[in-house]
Amino acid sequence: MHDIISAVLLGIVEGLTEFLPVSSTGHLIIAGDLLGFTGPKAATFEVVIQLGAILAVVVLYWDRFWGLLRPKPYVRFAGMRGIVLLGITSLPASLLGLATHHYIKEHLFSPATVALALGVGAVAMLLVERRKHRPVYMDLDDMTPALALGIGLFQCLALWPGFSRSAATIMGGMLLGARRGLAAEYSFIAAVPIMFAATGYDLLKSHALFTSADIPFFATGFVVSFLAAWVAVKVFIGLMGRVTLAPFAWYRLAVAPLVFWFMVN
């Protein structure tokens, strides 16, 4: 029963934080430590529940993803053009991630580096919100190759554990002229290919740790993460028209010392 409860709690944490600019990594460190669930199997479980969160985005934006395969007339973010734009966004972090995967696992998961990433990302969010934001790109159909590449380059910041992929891409989109809501939506959609690639790679490396006895535990976390992410994305998109990133930044600054504490102890 304790395992199922842990799966539910961790699934909620993953689903609620994966697509918000608050760093799911930092929150899972705290939650895993509190629940006494750490180590290689915990890392594999985190990969599985990430897939649940990704699936929530696929369901929420099903029309957009289906449009990549069956484009509709007058929809520009569709078909081969949409696929190419997502590919352009995914390429920089994919290549850099493959080249630095071992280094990141070995050196960037220390208490200081993860907590620092939370803090640096928070300060960056506050600075981005302080500048006057005059959006040029208002809708997904306004996406251009240059904007897609720029957001992809910002996404590389997410390779620093604790920085937050969504924070990096939303800030990047805003700095490059995207409306805040558009930057958030594209952040969610662009997460799917890069996260599928990253989680697939991690699962291939750690599949030996997974046994049939783990299926109920892993399945519970997967489903709960899916549901929590579905709610989080829906609520966050609704908020983006009314609030800035500042509340999330101040929250990160409060969480950063907690992450450092739990990683040390």
Protein backbone atom coordinates (compact mmCIF):
# COMPACT_ATOMS: atom_id res chain seq x y z
CA MET A 1 0.00 0.00 0.00
CA HIS A 2 2.86 2.34 0.79
CA ASP A 3 4.20 1.80 -2.71
CA ILE A 4 0.87 2.70 -4.32
CA ILE A 5 0.53 5.80 -2.15
CA SER A 6 4.07 6.82 -3.11
CA ALA A 7 3.23 6.26 -6.77
CA VAL A 8 0.15 8.48 -6.45
CA LEU A 9 2.01 11.27 -4.67
CA LEU A 10 4.97 11.22 -7.05
CA GLY A 11 2.63 11.08 -10.03
CA ILE A 12 0.84 14.18 -8.77
CA VAL A 13 4.12 16.02 -8.23
CA GLU A 14 5.41 15.10 -11.70
CA GLY A 15 2.16 15.91 -13.47
CA LEU A 16 1.69 19.26 -11.77
CA THR A 17 5.27 20.46 -12.22
CA GLU A 18 6.50 19.01 -15.54
CA PHE A 19 5.00 21.71 -17.74
CA LEU A 20 4.99 24.59 -15.26
CA PRO A 21 8.09 26.82 -15.06
CA VAL A 22 9.00 25.53 -11.60
CA SER A 23 11.27 22.51 -12.32
CA SER A 24 9.85 19.03 -11.91
CA THR A 25 13.38 17.82 -11.09
CA GLY A 26 13.60 19.89 -7.93
CA HIS A 27 10.16 18.86 -6.75
CA LEU A 28 10.77 15.15 -7.39
CA ILE A 29 14.02 15.38 -5.39
CA ILE A 30 12.10 16.72 -2.39
CA ALA A 31 9.17 14.30 -2.79
CA GLY A 32 11.41 11.27 -3.33
CA ASP A 33 13.50 12.10 -0.28
CA LEU A 34 10.44 12.60 1.92
CA LEU A 35 8.99 9.28 0.75
CA GLY A 36 12.31 7.45 1.05
CA PHE A 37 12.15 6.54 -2.63
CA THR A 38 15.54 7.17 -4.21
CA GLY A 39 18.09 5.27 -6.26
CA PRO A 40 18.14 3.64 -9.72
CA LYS A 41 14.57 2.26 -9.58
CA ALA A 42 13.27 5.67 -8.52
CA ALA A 43 15.02 7.22 -11.51
CA THR A 44 13.36 4.68 -13.83
CA PHE A 45 9.98 5.39 -12.24
CA GLU A 46 10.47 9.11 -12.86
CA VAL A 47 11.02 8.38 -16.55
CA VAL A 48 7.77 6.39 -16.71
CA ILE A 49 5.68 9.09 -15.06
CA GLN A 50 7.21 11.67 -17.39
CA LEU A 51 5.70 9.68 -20.24
CA GLY A 52 2.31 9.99 -18.55
CA ALA A 53 2.70 13.77 -18.42
CA ILE A 54 3.73 13.86 -22.09
CA LEU A 55 0.66 11.86 -23.07
CA ALA A 56 -1.56 14.48 -21.41
CA VAL A 57 -0.20 17.14 -23.77
CA VAL A 58 -0.75 14.87 -26.78
CA VAL A 59 -4.39 14.41 -25.74
CA LEU A 60 -4.97 18.10 -25.01
CA TYR A 61 -3.46 19.19 -28.32
CA TRP A 62 -4.63 16.21 -30.31
CA ASP A 63 -5.99 18.35 -33.16
CA ARG A 64 -2.62 20.01 -33.58
CA PHE A 65 -0.69 16.74 -33.50
CA TRP A 66 -3.16 15.04 -35.83
CA GLY A 67 -2.86 18.04 -38.11
CA LEU A 68 0.82 17.26 -38.52
CA LEU A 69 -0.23 14.03 -40.25
CA ARG A 70 -3.50 15.22 -41.83
CA PRO A 71 -3.14 18.95 -42.42
CA LYS A 72 -6.19 21.14 -42.93
CA PRO A 73 -6.37 23.96 -45.48
CA TYR A 74 -5.25 27.38 -44.23
CA VAL A 75 -3.63 25.93 -41.08
CA ARG A 76 0.06 26.83 -41.27
CA PHE A 77 1.31 24.94 -38.20
CA ALA A 78 0.44 21.60 -39.77
CA GLY A 79 1.72 18.93 -42.11
CA MET A 80 5.35 18.88 -43.09
CA ARG A 81 5.79 22.55 -42.16
CA GLY A 82 4.71 21.88 -38.58
CA ILE A 83 6.89 18.77 -38.35
CA VAL A 84 9.91 20.70 -39.62
CA LEU A 85 9.31 23.51 -37.10
CA LEU A 86 9.17 21.02 -34.22
CA GLY A 87 12.25 19.29 -35.57
CA ILE A 88 14.13 22.58 -35.69
CA THR A 89 13.15 23.31 -32.08
CA SER A 90 14.12 19.84 -30.87
CA LEU A 91 17.47 19.58 -32.68
CA PRO A 92 19.77 21.79 -30.57
CA ALA A 93 18.89 20.25 -27.19
CA SER A 94 18.82 16.73 -28.67
CA LEU A 95 22.34 17.02 -30.07
CA LEU A 96 23.74 18.77 -27.01
CA GLY A 97 21.96 16.32 -24.70
CA LEU A 98 23.43 13.30 -26.48
CA ALA A 99 26.90 14.82 -26.33
CA THR A 100 26.71 15.76 -22.66
CA HIS A 101 24.33 13.14 -21.18
CA HIS A 102 26.99 11.38 -19.11
CA TYR A 103 28.53 14.65 -17.89
CA ILE A 104 25.13 16.00 -16.83
CA LYS A 105 24.28 12.85 -14.87
CA GLU A 106 27.68 12.85 -13.19
CA HIS A 107 28.20 16.53 -12.43
CA LEU A 108 24.99 18.57 -12.65
CA PHE A 109 22.82 16.71 -10.16
CA SER A 110 24.65 18.00 -7.11
CA PRO A 111 22.74 19.96 -4.43
CA ALA A 112 24.45 23.21 -5.35
CA THR A 113 23.93 22.96 -9.13
CA VAL A 114 20.23 21.99 -8.99
CA ALA A 115 19.40 24.64 -6.38
CA LEU A 116 21.44 27.20 -8.32
CA ALA A 117 19.53 26.36 -11.51
CA LEU A 118 16.25 27.01 -9.71
CA GLY A 119 17.53 30.37 -8.49
CA VAL A 120 19.12 31.46 -11.77
CA GLY A 121 15.99 30.49 -13.68
CA ALA A 122 13.84 32.45 -11.24
CA VAL A 123 15.94 35.60 -11.61
CA ALA A 124 15.85 35.22 -15.40
CA MET A 125 12.05 34.96 -15.31
CA LEU A 126 11.79 38.16 -13.26
CA LEU A 127 14.12 40.00 -15.66
CA VAL A 128 12.16 38.81 -18.70
CA GLU A 129 8.93 40.04 -17.17
CA ARG A 130 10.47 43.43 -16.33
CA ARG A 131 11.18 44.25 -19.97
CA LYS A 132 8.41 45.63 -22.14
CA HIS A 133 6.86 42.76 -24.01
CA ARG A 134 5.53 43.70 -27.43
CA PRO A 135 4.49 40.41 -29.04
CA VAL A 136 4.85 39.95 -32.76
CA TYR A 137 3.80 36.30 -32.95
CA MET A 138 0.28 35.74 -31.63
CA ASP A 139 -0.72 32.20 -32.66
CA LEU A 140 0.85 28.84 -33.45
CA ASP A 141 0.23 29.52 -37.13
CA ASP A 142 2.54 32.54 -36.83
CA MET A 143 5.52 30.31 -35.94
CA THR A 144 8.54 30.74 -38.22
CA PRO A 145 11.72 28.67 -38.63
CA ALA A 146 13.78 31.43 -37.01
CA LEU A 147 11.48 31.56 -33.98
CA ALA A 148 11.45 27.76 -33.73
CA LEU A 149 15.25 27.65 -33.80
CA GLY A 150 15.56 30.43 -31.23
CA ILE A 151 13.23 28.64 -28.83
CA GLY A 152 15.19 25.43 -29.47
CA LEU A 153 18.42 27.15 -28.48
CA PHE A 154 16.83 28.43 -25.27
CA GLN A 155 15.58 24.88 -24.62
CA CYS A 156 19.22 23.83 -24.21
CA LEU A 157 19.17 25.60 -20.84
CA ALA A 158 16.84 22.83 -19.65
CA LEU A 159 19.75 20.37 -19.81
CA TRP A 160 20.86 22.02 -16.57
CA PRO A 161 18.80 20.04 -14.01
CA GLY A 162 16.55 22.35 -12.06
CA PHE A 163 16.36 25.11 -14.67
CA SER A 164 13.03 23.86 -16.10
CA ARG A 165 12.43 23.14 -19.76
CA SER A 166 9.14 25.04 -19.81
CA ALA A 167 10.73 28.08 -18.15
CA ALA A 168 13.53 28.10 -20.71
CA THR A 169 11.24 27.80 -23.73
CA ILE A 170 8.57 30.22 -22.48
CA MET A 171 11.18 32.87 -21.67
CA GLY A 172 12.89 32.25 -24.99
CA GLY A 173 9.64 32.61 -26.89
CA MET A 174 8.76 35.84 -25.10
CA LEU A 175 12.21 37.36 -25.66
CA LEU A 176 11.92 36.51 -29.36
CA GLY A 177 8.54 38.21 -29.71
CA ALA A 178 5.96 35.52 -28.98
CA ARG A 179 2.84 36.31 -26.98
CA ARG A 180 3.13 34.79 -23.49
CA GLY A 181 0.23 32.41 -24.13
CA LEU A 182 1.71 31.32 -27.46
CA ALA A 183 5.12 30.77 -25.85
CA ALA A 184 3.47 28.53 -23.24
CA GLU A 185 1.44 26.55 -25.80
CA TYR A 186 4.42 26.00 -28.06
CA SER A 187 6.48 25.03 -25.02
CA PHE A 188 4.01 22.23 -24.28
CA ILE A 189 3.81 20.99 -27.87
CA ALA A 190 7.58 21.21 -28.45
CA ALA A 191 8.11 19.21 -25.25
CA VAL A 192 6.61 16.08 -26.79
CA PRO A 193 9.36 15.13 -29.30
CA ILE A 194 12.29 16.13 -27.08
CA MET A 195 10.84 14.42 -23.99
CA PHE A 196 9.90 11.27 -25.90
CA ALA A 197 13.47 11.06 -27.16
CA ALA A 198 15.00 11.71 -23.74
CA THR A 199 12.71 9.35 -21.81
CA GLY A 200 13.03 6.67 -24.47
CA TYR A 201 16.82 6.87 -24.22
CA ASP A 202 16.71 6.63 -20.42
CA LEU A 203 14.27 3.69 -20.52
CA LEU A 204 16.52 1.77 -22.92
CA LYS A 205 19.42 2.23 -20.52
CA SER A 206 17.48 1.28 -17.39
CA HIS A 207 14.91 -1.28 -18.61
CA ALA A 208 16.74 -4.06 -16.76
CA LEU A 209 15.63 -2.51 -13.46
CA PHE A 210 11.97 -2.94 -14.41
CA THR A 211 10.23 -6.22 -13.44
CA SER A 212 6.66 -7.50 -13.78
CA ALA A 213 6.14 -6.94 -10.06
CA ASP A 214 6.62 -3.22 -10.66
CA ILE A 215 3.75 -2.93 -13.15
CA PRO A 216 1.00 -1.84 -10.67
CA PHE A 217 3.31 0.72 -9.08
CA PHE A 218 4.55 2.14 -12.39
CA ALA A 219 1.08 2.07 -13.98
CA THR A 220 -0.42 3.98 -11.04
CA GLY A 221 2.23 6.69 -11.28
CA PHE A 222 1.76 6.89 -15.06
CA VAL A 223 -2.03 7.37 -14.85
CA VAL A 224 -1.89 9.86 -11.97
CA SER A 225 0.84 11.86 -13.72
CA PHE A 226 -1.29 11.97 -16.88
CA LEU A 227 -4.32 13.31 -14.99
CA ALA A 228 -2.33 15.85 -12.96
CA ALA A 229 -0.52 17.14 -16.07
CA TRP A 230 -3.83 17.47 -17.93
CA VAL A 231 -5.19 19.68 -15.15
CA ALA A 232 -1.95 21.68 -14.79
CA VAL A 233 -1.68 22.49 -18.50
CA LYS A 234 -5.34 23.51 -18.78
CA VAL A 235 -5.11 25.78 -15.74
CA PHE A 236 -1.73 27.25 -16.74
CA ILE A 237 -2.89 28.20 -20.23
CA GLY A 238 -5.91 29.90 -18.68
CA LEU A 239 -3.67 31.84 -16.30
CA MET A 240 -1.20 33.04 -18.94
CA GLY A 241 -3.61 35.67 -20.18
CA ARG A 242 -4.03 37.13 -16.68
CA VAL A 243 -0.76 36.65 -14.76
CA THR A 244 2.95 36.93 -15.47
CA LEU A 245 5.76 34.48 -14.72
CA ALA A 246 6.72 36.44 -11.60
CA PRO A 247 4.72 34.35 -9.06
CA PHE A 248 6.39 31.19 -10.38
CA ALA A 249 9.80 32.87 -10.09
CA TRP A 250 9.28 33.83 -6.43
CA TYR A 251 8.05 30.31 -5.73
CA ARG A 252 11.25 28.89 -7.27
CA LEU A 253 13.38 31.13 -5.07
CA ALA A 254 11.59 29.70 -2.03
CA VAL A 255 12.01 26.09 -3.23
CA ALA A 256 15.73 26.38 -4.13
CA PRO A 257 17.09 26.17 -0.55
CA LEU A 258 14.73 23.26 0.17
CA VAL A 259 16.14 21.32 -2.78
CA PHE A 260 19.68 21.98 -1.55
CA TRP A 261 18.72 20.81 1.96
CA PHE A 262 17.03 17.59 0.84
CA MET A 263 19.83 16.68 -1.59
CA VAL A 264 22.47 17.19 1.11
CA ASN A 265 20.55 15.26 3.75
